[in-house]
Amino acid sequence: MKLFDSTALGARITRRRQEIALTQKDMASSVKLSLSYYGHIERGTRVPSLPTLVLIANRLHVGVDALLRDSLEYPCLPKRVFTDRELGLLRQFLEENGESSDEWFDIAGE
């Protein structure tokens, strides 16, 4: 099972860099990487170290989680069944905070 999709990470970095109108050269320079290595990161052929990924995320004005989102495949978890007490507490919490519990409970399958 593939646990990390470096191509998807590179695509997210590329997309965000383009959104803020930076060239690859400017981006590589600002995070102190060679243009060649930075290009490999965007193509997904190299995976940056965690400190480098933090520098890239900071320069792109996003959190590291935004760059890693959907990079991992999670196994399916069994459906959670809530007790009547738990559902009642959730409904009460939502109503006390001005939320409509109808929308939430439709999603939960009640």
PDB file of N, CA and C in Angstrom:
ATOM      1  N   MET A   1       0.844  -1.187   0.000  1.00  0.00           N
ATOM      2  CA  MET A   1       0.000   0.000   0.000  1.00  0.00           C
ATOM      3  C   MET A   1       0.885   1.245   0.000  1.00  0.00           C
ATOM      4  N   LYS A   2       0.638   2.161  -0.907  1.00  0.00           N
ATOM      5  CA  LYS A   2       1.378   3.412  -0.999  1.00  0.00           C
ATOM      6  C   LYS A   2       0.842   4.366   0.069  1.00  0.00           C
ATOM      7  N   LEU A   3       1.742   4.818   0.951  1.00  0.00           N
ATOM      8  CA  LEU A   3       1.307   5.671   2.051  1.00  0.00           C
ATOM      9  C   LEU A   3       1.469   7.157   1.786  1.00  0.00           C
ATOM     10  N   PHE A   4       2.251   7.500   0.774  1.00  0.00           N
ATOM     11  CA  PHE A   4       2.503   8.917   0.546  1.00  0.00           C
ATOM     12  C   PHE A   4       2.496   9.204  -0.946  1.00  0.00           C
ATOM     13  N   ASP A   5       1.776  10.209  -1.348  1.00  0.00           N
ATOM     14  CA  ASP A   5       1.679  10.571  -2.761  1.00  0.00           C
ATOM     15  C   ASP A   5       2.472  11.853  -2.992  1.00  0.00           C
ATOM     16  N   SER A   6       3.739  11.692  -3.373  1.00  0.00           N
ATOM     17  CA  SER A   6       4.610  12.855  -3.564  1.00  0.00           C
ATOM     18  C   SER A   6       4.186  13.671  -4.784  1.00  0.00           C
ATOM     19  N   THR A   7       3.551  13.046  -5.752  1.00  0.00           N
ATOM     20  CA  THR A   7       3.081  13.775  -6.927  1.00  0.00           C
ATOM     21  C   THR A   7       1.951  14.727  -6.541  1.00  0.00           C
ATOM     22  N   ALA A   8       1.046  14.264  -5.688  1.00  0.00           N
ATOM     23  CA  ALA A   8      -0.048  15.126  -5.228  1.00  0.00           C
ATOM     24  C   ALA A   8       0.495  16.274  -4.385  1.00  0.00           C
ATOM     25  N   LEU A   9       1.492  15.997  -3.551  1.00  0.00           N
ATOM     26  CA  LEU A   9       2.121  17.056  -2.751  1.00  0.00           C
ATOM     27  C   LEU A   9       2.723  18.103  -3.685  1.00  0.00           C
ATOM     28  N   GLY A  10       3.469  17.660  -4.675  1.00  0.00           N
ATOM     29  CA  GLY A  10       4.092  18.591  -5.621  1.00  0.00           C
ATOM     30  C   GLY A  10       3.062  19.421  -6.372  1.00  0.00           C
ATOM     31  N   ALA A  11       1.961  18.792  -6.743  1.00  0.00           N
ATOM     32  CA  ALA A  11       0.902  19.520  -7.464  1.00  0.00           C
ATOM     33  C   ALA A  11       0.275  20.589  -6.584  1.00  0.00           C
ATOM     34  N   ARG A  12       0.077  20.284  -5.300  1.00  0.00           N
ATOM     35  CA  ARG A  12      -0.492  21.291  -4.394  1.00  0.00           C
ATOM     36  C   ARG A  12       0.475  22.455  -4.200  1.00  0.00           C
ATOM     37  N   ILE A  13       1.762  22.141  -4.082  1.00  0.00           N
ATOM     38  CA  ILE A  13       2.768  23.199  -3.941  1.00  0.00           C
ATOM     39  C   ILE A  13       2.775  24.072  -5.198  1.00  0.00           C
ATOM     40  N   THR A  14       2.773  23.436  -6.369  1.00  0.00           N
ATOM     41  CA  THR A  14       2.770  24.172  -7.634  1.00  0.00           C
ATOM     42  C   THR A  14       1.552  25.080  -7.743  1.00  0.00           C
ATOM     43  N   ARG A  15       0.376  24.513  -7.465  1.00  0.00           N
ATOM     44  CA  ARG A  15      -0.866  25.281  -7.580  1.00  0.00           C
ATOM     45  C   ARG A  15      -0.846  26.508  -6.657  1.00  0.00           C
ATOM     46  N   ARG A  16      -0.403  26.310  -5.420  1.00  0.00           N
ATOM     47  CA  ARG A  16      -0.380  27.431  -4.476  1.00  0.00           C
ATOM     48  C   ARG A  16       0.662  28.475  -4.891  1.00  0.00           C
ATOM     49  N   ARG A  17       1.807  28.015  -5.363  1.00  0.00           N
ATOM     50  CA  ARG A  17       2.853  28.950  -5.816  1.00  0.00           C
ATOM     51  C   ARG A  17       2.330  29.814  -6.955  1.00  0.00           C
ATOM     52  N   GLN A  18       1.620  29.190  -7.871  1.00  0.00           N
ATOM     53  CA  GLN A  18       1.064  29.931  -9.003  1.00  0.00           C
ATOM     54  C   GLN A  18      -0.031  30.900  -8.549  1.00  0.00           C
ATOM     55  N   GLU A  19      -0.810  30.501  -7.549  1.00  0.00           N
ATOM     56  CA  GLU A  19      -1.868  31.384  -7.031  1.00  0.00           C
ATOM     57  C   GLU A  19      -1.297  32.683  -6.483  1.00  0.00           C
ATOM     58  N   ILE A  20      -0.122  32.602  -5.883  1.00  0.00           N
ATOM     59  CA  ILE A  20       0.467  33.825  -5.320  1.00  0.00           C
ATOM     60  C   ILE A  20       1.513  34.425  -6.258  1.00  0.00           C
ATOM     61  N   ALA A  21       1.510  33.978  -7.500  1.00  0.00           N
ATOM     62  CA  ALA A  21       2.318  34.554  -8.590  1.00  0.00           C
ATOM     63  C   ALA A  21       3.816  34.561  -8.300  1.00  0.00           C
ATOM     64  N   LEU A  22       4.335  33.407  -7.866  1.00  0.00           N
ATOM     65  CA  LEU A  22       5.773  33.259  -7.694  1.00  0.00           C
ATOM     66  C   LEU A  22       6.305  32.343  -8.786  1.00  0.00           C
ATOM     67  N   THR A  23       7.502  32.637  -9.269  1.00  0.00           N
ATOM     68  CA  THR A  23       8.148  31.724 -10.197  1.00  0.00           C
ATOM     69  C   THR A  23       8.827  30.622  -9.389  1.00  0.00           C
ATOM     70  N   GLN A  24       9.163  29.529 -10.052  1.00  0.00           N
ATOM     71  CA  GLN A  24       9.908  28.468  -9.373  1.00  0.00           C
ATOM     72  C   GLN A  24      11.247  29.014  -8.874  1.00  0.00           C
ATOM     73  N   LYS A  25      11.875  29.851  -9.678  1.00  0.00           N
ATOM     74  CA  LYS A  25      13.173  30.414  -9.311  1.00  0.00           C
ATOM     75  C   LYS A  25      13.057  31.255  -8.034  1.00  0.00           C
ATOM     76  N   ASP A  26      12.040  32.121  -7.971  1.00  0.00           N
ATOM     77  CA  ASP A  26      11.845  32.945  -6.773  1.00  0.00           C
ATOM     78  C   ASP A  26      11.532  32.090  -5.553  1.00  0.00           C
ATOM     79  N   MET A  27      10.701  31.075  -5.759  1.00  0.00           N
ATOM     80  CA  MET A  27      10.332  30.201  -4.651  1.00  0.00           C
ATOM     81  C   MET A  27      11.548  29.444  -4.129  1.00  0.00           C
ATOM     82  N   ALA A  28      12.309  28.839  -5.046  1.00  0.00           N
ATOM     83  CA  ALA A  28      13.497  28.088  -4.642  1.00  0.00           C
ATOM     84  C   ALA A  28      14.479  28.975  -3.889  1.00  0.00           C
ATOM     85  N   SER A  29      14.690  30.167  -4.399  1.00  0.00           N
ATOM     86  CA  SER A  29      15.615  31.100  -3.759  1.00  0.00           C
ATOM     87  C   SER A  29      15.140  31.490  -2.363  1.00  0.00           C
ATOM     88  N   SER A  30      13.846  31.740  -2.225  1.00  0.00           N
ATOM     89  CA  SER A  30      13.321  32.207  -0.931  1.00  0.00           C
ATOM     90  C   SER A  30      13.354  31.131   0.154  1.00  0.00           C
ATOM     91  N   VAL A  31      13.405  29.862  -0.245  1.00  0.00           N
ATOM     92  CA  VAL A  31      13.493  28.789   0.766  1.00  0.00           C
ATOM     93  C   VAL A  31      14.873  28.131   0.750  1.00  0.00           C
ATOM     94  N   LYS A  32      15.821  28.797   0.070  1.00  0.00           N
ATOM     95  CA  LYS A  32      17.235  28.384   0.053  1.00  0.00           C
ATOM     96  C   LYS A  32      17.439  26.974  -0.512  1.00  0.00           C
ATOM     97  N   LEU A  33      16.776  26.697  -1.648  1.00  0.00           N
ATOM     98  CA  LEU A  33      16.944  25.427  -2.352  1.00  0.00           C
ATOM     99  C   LEU A  33      17.449  25.710  -3.757  1.00  0.00           C
ATOM    100  N   SER A  34      18.131  24.735  -4.329  1.00  0.00           N
ATOM    101  CA  SER A  34      18.516  24.901  -5.732  1.00  0.00           C
ATOM    102  C   SER A  34      17.244  24.815  -6.571  1.00  0.00           C
ATOM    103  N   LEU A  35      17.265  25.484  -7.703  1.00  0.00           N
ATOM    104  CA  LEU A  35      16.125  25.449  -8.600  1.00  0.00           C
ATOM    105  C   LEU A  35      15.840  24.021  -9.053  1.00  0.00           C
ATOM    106  N   SER A  36      16.899  23.257  -9.310  1.00  0.00           N
ATOM    107  CA  SER A  36      16.742  21.873  -9.749  1.00  0.00           C
ATOM    108  C   SER A  36      16.031  21.026  -8.688  1.00  0.00           C
ATOM    109  N   TYR A  37      16.487  21.124  -7.444  1.00  0.00           N
ATOM    110  CA  TYR A  37      15.872  20.329  -6.371  1.00  0.00           C
ATOM    111  C   TYR A  37      14.422  20.761  -6.154  1.00  0.00           C
ATOM    112  N   TYR A  38      14.185  22.067  -6.165  1.00  0.00           N
ATOM    113  CA  TYR A  38      12.819  22.554  -5.981  1.00  0.00           C
ATOM    114  C   TYR A  38      11.906  22.038  -7.098  1.00  0.00           C
ATOM    115  N   GLY A  39      12.404  22.022  -8.315  1.00  0.00           N
ATOM    116  CA  GLY A  39      11.631  21.490  -9.444  1.00  0.00           C
ATOM    117  C   GLY A  39      11.264  20.029  -9.237  1.00  0.00           C
ATOM    118  N   HIS A  40      12.206  19.265  -8.680  1.00  0.00           N
ATOM    119  CA  HIS A  40      11.920  17.859  -8.373  1.00  0.00           C
ATOM    120  C   HIS A  40      10.798  17.738  -7.336  1.00  0.00           C
ATOM    121  N   ILE A  41      10.784  18.622  -6.364  1.00  0.00           N
ATOM    122  CA  ILE A  41       9.723  18.595  -5.352  1.00  0.00           C
ATOM    123  C   ILE A  41       8.373  18.821  -6.028  1.00  0.00           C
ATOM    124  N   GLU A  42       8.294  19.827  -6.885  1.00  0.00           N
ATOM    125  CA  GLU A  42       7.021  20.114  -7.553  1.00  0.00           C
ATOM    126  C   GLU A  42       6.591  18.985  -8.484  1.00  0.00           C
ATOM    127  N   ARG A  43       7.541  18.282  -9.086  1.00  0.00           N
ATOM    128  CA  ARG A  43       7.190  17.160  -9.967  1.00  0.00           C
ATOM    129  C   ARG A  43       6.896  15.892  -9.175  1.00  0.00           C
ATOM    130  N   GLY A  44       7.225  15.900  -7.890  1.00  0.00           N
ATOM    131  CA  GLY A  44       6.975  14.735  -7.059  1.00  0.00           C
ATOM    132  C   GLY A  44       8.037  13.661  -7.151  1.00  0.00           C
ATOM    133  N   THR A  45       9.180  13.981  -7.732  1.00  0.00           N
ATOM    134  CA  THR A  45      10.262  13.003  -7.845  1.00  0.00           C
ATOM    135  C   THR A  45      11.211  13.042  -6.653  1.00  0.00           C
ATOM    136  N   ARG A  46      11.076  14.048  -5.815  1.00  0.00           N
ATOM    137  CA  ARG A  46      11.819  14.143  -4.555  1.00  0.00           C
ATOM    138  C   ARG A  46      10.834  14.572  -3.473  1.00  0.00           C
ATOM    139  N   VAL A  47      11.077  14.086  -2.257  1.00  0.00           N
ATOM    140  CA  VAL A  47      10.235  14.446  -1.115  1.00  0.00           C
ATOM    141  C   VAL A  47      11.063  15.327  -0.191  1.00  0.00           C
ATOM    142  N   PRO A  48      10.579  16.527   0.107  1.00  0.00           N
ATOM    143  CA  PRO A  48      11.347  17.419   0.977  1.00  0.00           C
ATOM    144  C   PRO A  48      11.363  16.918   2.417  1.00  0.00           C
ATOM    145  N   SER A  49      12.408  17.287   3.143  1.00  0.00           N
ATOM    146  CA  SER A  49      12.448  16.985   4.572  1.00  0.00           C
ATOM    147  C   SER A  49      11.361  17.802   5.269  1.00  0.00           C
ATOM    148  N   LEU A  50      11.036  17.436   6.482  1.00  0.00           N
ATOM    149  CA  LEU A  50      10.017  18.171   7.220  1.00  0.00           C
ATOM    150  C   LEU A  50      10.399  19.640   7.410  1.00  0.00           C
ATOM    151  N   PRO A  51      11.643  19.958   7.820  1.00  0.00           N
ATOM    152  CA  PRO A  51      11.994  21.379   7.938  1.00  0.00           C
ATOM    153  C   PRO A  51      11.840  22.135   6.608  1.00  0.00           C
ATOM    154  N   THR A  52      12.199  21.494   5.499  1.00  0.00           N
ATOM    155  CA  THR A  52      12.047  22.138   4.192  1.00  0.00           C
ATOM    156  C   THR A  52      10.576  22.317   3.844  1.00  0.00           C
ATOM    157  N   LEU A  53       9.771  21.325   4.152  1.00  0.00           N
ATOM    158  CA  LEU A  53       8.335  21.434   3.889  1.00  0.00           C
ATOM    159  C   LEU A  53       7.719  22.577   4.696  1.00  0.00           C
ATOM    160  N   VAL A  54       8.177  22.759   5.921  1.00  0.00           N
ATOM    161  CA  VAL A  54       7.690  23.873   6.739  1.00  0.00           C
ATOM    162  C   VAL A  54       8.082  25.204   6.107  1.00  0.00           C
ATOM    163  N   LEU A  55       9.317  25.324   5.623  1.00  0.00           N
ATOM    164  CA  LEU A  55       9.750  26.554   4.955  1.00  0.00           C
ATOM    165  C   LEU A  55       8.893  26.834   3.717  1.00  0.00           C
ATOM    166  N   ILE A  56       8.632  25.788   2.939  1.00  0.00           N
ATOM    167  CA  ILE A  56       7.811  25.946   1.734  1.00  0.00           C
ATOM    168  C   ILE A  56       6.401  26.391   2.114  1.00  0.00           C
ATOM    169  N   ALA A  57       5.807  25.729   3.094  1.00  0.00           N
ATOM    170  CA  ALA A  57       4.447  26.083   3.522  1.00  0.00           C
ATOM    171  C   ALA A  57       4.392  27.515   4.022  1.00  0.00           C
ATOM    172  N   ASN A  58       5.375  27.911   4.820  1.00  0.00           N
ATOM    173  CA  ASN A  58       5.393  29.286   5.333  1.00  0.00           C
ATOM    174  C   ASN A  58       5.495  30.297   4.194  1.00  0.00           C
ATOM    175  N   ARG A  59       6.333  30.014   3.210  1.00  0.00           N
ATOM    176  CA  ARG A  59       6.498  30.935   2.074  1.00  0.00           C
ATOM    177  C   ARG A  59       5.224  31.020   1.246  1.00  0.00           C
ATOM    178  N   LEU A  60       4.488  29.908   1.201  1.00  0.00           N
ATOM    179  CA  LEU A  60       3.230  29.882   0.450  1.00  0.00           C
ATOM    180  C   LEU A  60       2.044  30.380   1.281  1.00  0.00           C
ATOM    181  N   HIS A  61       2.308  30.712   2.539  1.00  0.00           N
ATOM    182  CA  HIS A  61       1.275  31.225   3.456  1.00  0.00           C
ATOM    183  C   HIS A  61       0.157  30.212   3.680  1.00  0.00           C
ATOM    184  N   VAL A  62       0.547  28.950   3.829  1.00  0.00           N
ATOM    185  CA  VAL A  62      -0.398  27.893   4.150  1.00  0.00           C
ATOM    186  C   VAL A  62       0.212  27.015   5.236  1.00  0.00           C
ATOM    187  N   GLY A  63      -0.612  26.225   5.879  1.00  0.00           N
ATOM    188  CA  GLY A  63      -0.113  25.260   6.845  1.00  0.00           C
ATOM    189  C   GLY A  63       0.405  24.021   6.130  1.00  0.00           C
ATOM    190  N   VAL A  64       1.305  23.321   6.784  1.00  0.00           N
ATOM    191  CA  VAL A  64       1.825  22.080   6.217  1.00  0.00           C
ATOM    192  C   VAL A  64       0.681  21.111   5.936  1.00  0.00           C
ATOM    193  N   ASP A  65      -0.338  21.121   6.791  1.00  0.00           N
ATOM    194  CA  ASP A  65      -1.472  20.212   6.592  1.00  0.00           C
ATOM    195  C   ASP A  65      -2.177  20.463   5.260  1.00  0.00           C
ATOM    196  N   ALA A  66      -2.205  21.712   4.809  1.00  0.00           N
ATOM    197  CA  ALA A  66      -2.843  22.016   3.527  1.00  0.00           C
ATOM    198  C   ALA A  66      -2.072  21.393   2.370  1.00  0.00           C
ATOM    199  N   LEU A  67      -0.759  21.280   2.519  1.00  0.00           N
ATOM    200  CA  LEU A  67       0.046  20.674   1.475  1.00  0.00           C
ATOM    201  C   LEU A  67      -0.015  19.150   1.523  1.00  0.00           C
ATOM    202  N   LEU A  68      -0.178  18.599   2.707  1.00  0.00           N
ATOM    203  CA  LEU A  68      -0.201  17.147   2.862  1.00  0.00           C
ATOM    204  C   LEU A  68      -1.592  16.541   2.724  1.00  0.00           C
ATOM    205  N   ARG A  69      -2.608  17.370   2.767  1.00  0.00           N
ATOM    206  CA  ARG A  69      -3.985  16.874   2.698  1.00  0.00           C
ATOM    207  C   ARG A  69      -4.156  15.888   1.559  1.00  0.00           C
ATOM    208  N   ASP A  70      -4.805  14.794   1.826  1.00  0.00           N
ATOM    209  CA  ASP A  70      -5.082  13.735   0.859  1.00  0.00           C
ATOM    210  C   ASP A  70      -3.832  13.015   0.372  1.00  0.00           C
ATOM    211  N   SER A  71      -2.700  13.260   0.999  1.00  0.00           N
ATOM    212  CA  SER A  71      -1.497  12.551   0.583  1.00  0.00           C
ATOM    213  C   SER A  71      -1.462  11.138   1.158  1.00  0.00           C
ATOM    214  N   LEU A  72      -2.177  10.932   2.235  1.00  0.00           N
ATOM    215  CA  LEU A  72      -2.184   9.619   2.860  1.00  0.00           C
ATOM    216  C   LEU A  72      -3.480   8.889   2.572  1.00  0.00           C
ATOM    217  N   GLU A  73      -3.375   7.605   2.394  1.00  0.00           N
ATOM    218  CA  GLU A  73      -4.561   6.779   2.230  1.00  0.00           C
ATOM    219  C   GLU A  73      -4.895   6.191   3.594  1.00  0.00           C
ATOM    220  N   TYR A  74      -6.104   6.425   4.052  1.00  0.00           N
ATOM    221  CA  TYR A  74      -6.522   5.898   5.335  1.00  0.00           C
ATOM    222  C   TYR A  74      -7.414   4.688   5.118  1.00  0.00           C
ATOM    223  N   PRO A  75      -7.206   3.648   5.901  1.00  0.00           N
ATOM    224  CA  PRO A  75      -8.114   2.513   5.777  1.00  0.00           C
ATOM    225  C   PRO A  75      -9.511   2.922   6.215  1.00  0.00           C
ATOM    226  N   CYS A  76     -10.510   2.279   5.666  1.00  0.00           N
ATOM    227  CA  CYS A  76     -11.889   2.579   6.044  1.00  0.00           C
ATOM    228  C   CYS A  76     -12.113   2.203   7.493  1.00  0.00           C
ATOM    229  N   LEU A  77     -12.707   3.098   8.213  1.00  0.00           N
ATOM    230  CA  LEU A  77     -13.050   2.823   9.603  1.00  0.00           C
ATOM    231  C   LEU A  77     -14.478   2.322   9.672  1.00  0.00           C
ATOM    232  N   PRO A  78     -14.769   1.459  10.635  1.00  0.00           N
ATOM    233  CA  PRO A  78     -16.153   0.997  10.754  1.00  0.00           C
ATOM    234  C   PRO A  78     -17.073   2.157  11.109  1.00  0.00           C
ATOM    235  N   LYS A  79     -18.298   2.085  10.661  1.00  0.00           N
ATOM    236  CA  LYS A  79     -19.271   3.133  10.941  1.00  0.00           C
ATOM    237  C   LYS A  79     -19.512   3.213  12.443  1.00  0.00           C
ATOM    238  N   ARG A  80     -19.501   4.411  12.966  1.00  0.00           N
ATOM    239  CA  ARG A  80     -19.697   4.640  14.395  1.00  0.00           C
ATOM    240  C   ARG A  80     -21.183   4.682  14.686  1.00  0.00           C
ATOM    241  N   VAL A  81     -21.615   3.904  15.662  1.00  0.00           N
ATOM    242  CA  VAL A  81     -23.005   3.923  16.098  1.00  0.00           C
ATOM    243  C   VAL A  81     -23.053   4.652  17.432  1.00  0.00           C
ATOM    244  N   PHE A  82     -23.848   5.714  17.478  1.00  0.00           N
ATOM    245  CA  PHE A  82     -23.968   6.514  18.686  1.00  0.00           C
ATOM    246  C   PHE A  82     -25.111   5.991  19.546  1.00  0.00           C
ATOM    247  N   THR A  83     -24.910   6.078  20.846  1.00  0.00           N
ATOM    248  CA  THR A  83     -25.965   5.696  21.773  1.00  0.00           C
ATOM    249  C   THR A  83     -27.015   6.800  21.813  1.00  0.00           C
ATOM    250  N   ASP A  84     -28.195   6.485  22.305  1.00  0.00           N
ATOM    251  CA  ASP A  84     -29.245   7.495  22.426  1.00  0.00           C
ATOM    252  C   ASP A  84     -28.779   8.640  23.319  1.00  0.00           C
ATOM    253  N   ARG A  85     -28.035   8.317  24.363  1.00  0.00           N
ATOM    254  CA  ARG A  85     -27.522   9.354  25.281  1.00  0.00           C
ATOM    255  C   ARG A  85     -26.572  10.286  24.538  1.00  0.00           C
ATOM    256  N   GLU A  86     -25.646   9.724  23.748  1.00  0.00           N
ATOM    257  CA  GLU A  86     -24.703  10.541  22.989  1.00  0.00           C
ATOM    258  C   GLU A  86     -25.430  11.437  21.988  1.00  0.00           C
ATOM    259  N   LEU A  87     -26.414  10.883  21.305  1.00  0.00           N
ATOM    260  CA  LEU A  87     -27.182  11.680  20.347  1.00  0.00           C
ATOM    261  C   LEU A  87     -27.932  12.804  21.041  1.00  0.00           C
ATOM    262  N   GLY A  88     -28.493  12.520  22.207  1.00  0.00           N
ATOM    263  CA  GLY A  88     -29.197  13.543  22.975  1.00  0.00           C
ATOM    264  C   GLY A  88     -28.261  14.662  23.404  1.00  0.00           C
ATOM    265  N   LEU A  89     -27.079  14.303  23.874  1.00  0.00           N
ATOM    266  CA  LEU A  89     -26.096  15.313  24.285  1.00  0.00           C
ATOM    267  C   LEU A  89     -25.649  16.162  23.104  1.00  0.00           C
ATOM    268  N   LEU A  90     -25.447  15.530  21.963  1.00  0.00           N
ATOM    269  CA  LEU A  90     -25.051  16.274  20.765  1.00  0.00           C
ATOM    270  C   LEU A  90     -26.156  17.228  20.330  1.00  0.00           C
ATOM    271  N   ARG A  91     -27.385  16.740  20.324  1.00  0.00           N
ATOM    272  CA  ARG A  91     -28.519  17.589  19.959  1.00  0.00           C
ATOM    273  C   ARG A  91     -28.623  18.791  20.901  1.00  0.00           C
ATOM    274  N   GLN A  92     -28.476  18.545  22.203  1.00  0.00           N
ATOM    275  CA  GLN A  92     -28.541  19.615  23.199  1.00  0.00           C
ATOM    276  C   GLN A  92     -27.421  20.630  22.975  1.00  0.00           C
ATOM    277  N   PHE A  93     -26.202  20.150  22.734  1.00  0.00           N
ATOM    278  CA  PHE A  93     -25.067  21.033  22.496  1.00  0.00           C
ATOM    279  C   PHE A  93     -25.310  21.922  21.276  1.00  0.00           C
ATOM    280  N   LEU A  94     -25.789  21.314  20.206  1.00  0.00           N
ATOM    281  CA  LEU A  94     -26.033  22.073  18.981  1.00  0.00           C
ATOM    282  C   LEU A  94     -27.094  23.149  19.204  1.00  0.00           C
ATOM    283  N   GLU A  95     -28.174  22.782  19.853  1.00  0.00           N
ATOM    284  CA  GLU A  95     -29.257  23.744  20.081  1.00  0.00           C
ATOM    285  C   GLU A  95     -28.824  24.871  21.006  1.00  0.00           C
ATOM    286  N   GLU A  96     -28.012  24.558  22.019  1.00  0.00           N
ATOM    287  CA  GLU A  96     -27.514  25.591  22.932  1.00  0.00           C
ATOM    288  C   GLU A  96     -26.558  26.558  22.230  1.00  0.00           C
ATOM    289  N   ASN A  97     -25.977  26.122  21.144  1.00  0.00           N
ATOM    290  CA  ASN A  97     -25.040  26.963  20.396  1.00  0.00           C
ATOM    291  C   ASN A  97     -25.644  27.509  19.111  1.00  0.00           C
ATOM    292  N   GLY A  98     -26.964  27.485  19.028  1.00  0.00           N
ATOM    293  CA  GLY A  98     -27.666  28.111  17.912  1.00  0.00           C
ATOM    294  C   GLY A  98     -27.579  27.359  16.600  1.00  0.00           C
ATOM    295  N   GLU A  99     -27.263  26.085  16.650  1.00  0.00           N
ATOM    296  CA  GLU A  99     -27.177  25.279  15.435  1.00  0.00           C
ATOM    297  C   GLU A  99     -28.428  24.425  15.288  1.00  0.00           C
ATOM    298  N   SER A 100     -28.776  24.149  14.064  1.00  0.00           N
ATOM    299  CA  SER A 100     -29.902  23.262  13.795  1.00  0.00           C
ATOM    300  C   SER A 100     -29.408  21.823  13.838  1.00  0.00           C
ATOM    301  N   SER A 101     -29.965  21.039  14.711  1.00  0.00           N
ATOM    302  CA  SER A 101     -29.529  19.647  14.800  1.00  0.00           C
ATOM    303  C   SER A 101     -30.093  18.800  13.671  1.00  0.00           C
ATOM    304  N   ASP A 102     -31.124  19.279  12.975  1.00  0.00           N
ATOM    305  CA  ASP A 102     -31.727  18.494  11.897  1.00  0.00           C
ATOM    306  C   ASP A 102     -30.703  18.181  10.808  1.00  0.00           C
ATOM    307  N   GLU A 103     -29.929  19.174  10.411  1.00  0.00           N
ATOM    308  CA  GLU A 103     -28.917  18.971   9.375  1.00  0.00           C
ATOM    309  C   GLU A 103     -27.866  17.970   9.821  1.00  0.00           C
ATOM    310  N   TRP A 104     -27.421  18.081  11.058  1.00  0.00           N
ATOM    311  CA  TRP A 104     -26.405  17.206  11.589  1.00  0.00           C
ATOM    312  C   TRP A 104     -26.905  15.768  11.687  1.00  0.00           C
ATOM    313  N   PHE A 105     -28.087  15.618  12.136  1.00  0.00           N
ATOM    314  CA  PHE A 105     -28.602  14.271  12.343  1.00  0.00           C
ATOM    315  C   PHE A 105     -28.972  13.588  11.038  1.00  0.00           C
ATOM    316  N   ASP A 106     -29.290  14.369  10.026  1.00  0.00           N
ATOM    317  CA  ASP A 106     -29.528  13.779   8.706  1.00  0.00           C
ATOM    318  C   ASP A 106     -28.216  13.180   8.187  1.00  0.00           C
ATOM    319  N   ILE A 107     -27.114  13.886   8.409  1.00  0.00           N
ATOM    320  CA  ILE A 107     -25.797  13.398   7.992  1.00  0.00           C
ATOM    321  C   ILE A 107     -25.415  12.173   8.806  1.00  0.00           C
ATOM    322  N   ALA A 108     -25.728  12.193  10.088  1.00  0.00           N
ATOM    323  CA  ALA A 108     -25.359  11.065  10.963  1.00  0.00           C
ATOM    324  C   ALA A 108     -26.236   9.845  10.693  1.00  0.00           C
ATOM    325  N   GLY A 109     -27.282  10.013   9.943  1.00  0.00           N
ATOM    326  CA  GLY A 109     -28.097   8.872   9.587  1.00  0.00           C
ATOM    327  C   GLY A 109     -29.192   8.551  10.587  1.00  0.00           C
ATOM    328  N   GLU A 110     -29.541   9.504  11.426  1.00  0.00           N
ATOM    329  CA  GLU A 110     -30.601   9.260  12.402  1.00  0.00           C
ATOM    330  C   GLU A 110     -31.966   9.319  11.737  1.00  0.00           C
TER     331      GLU A 110
END
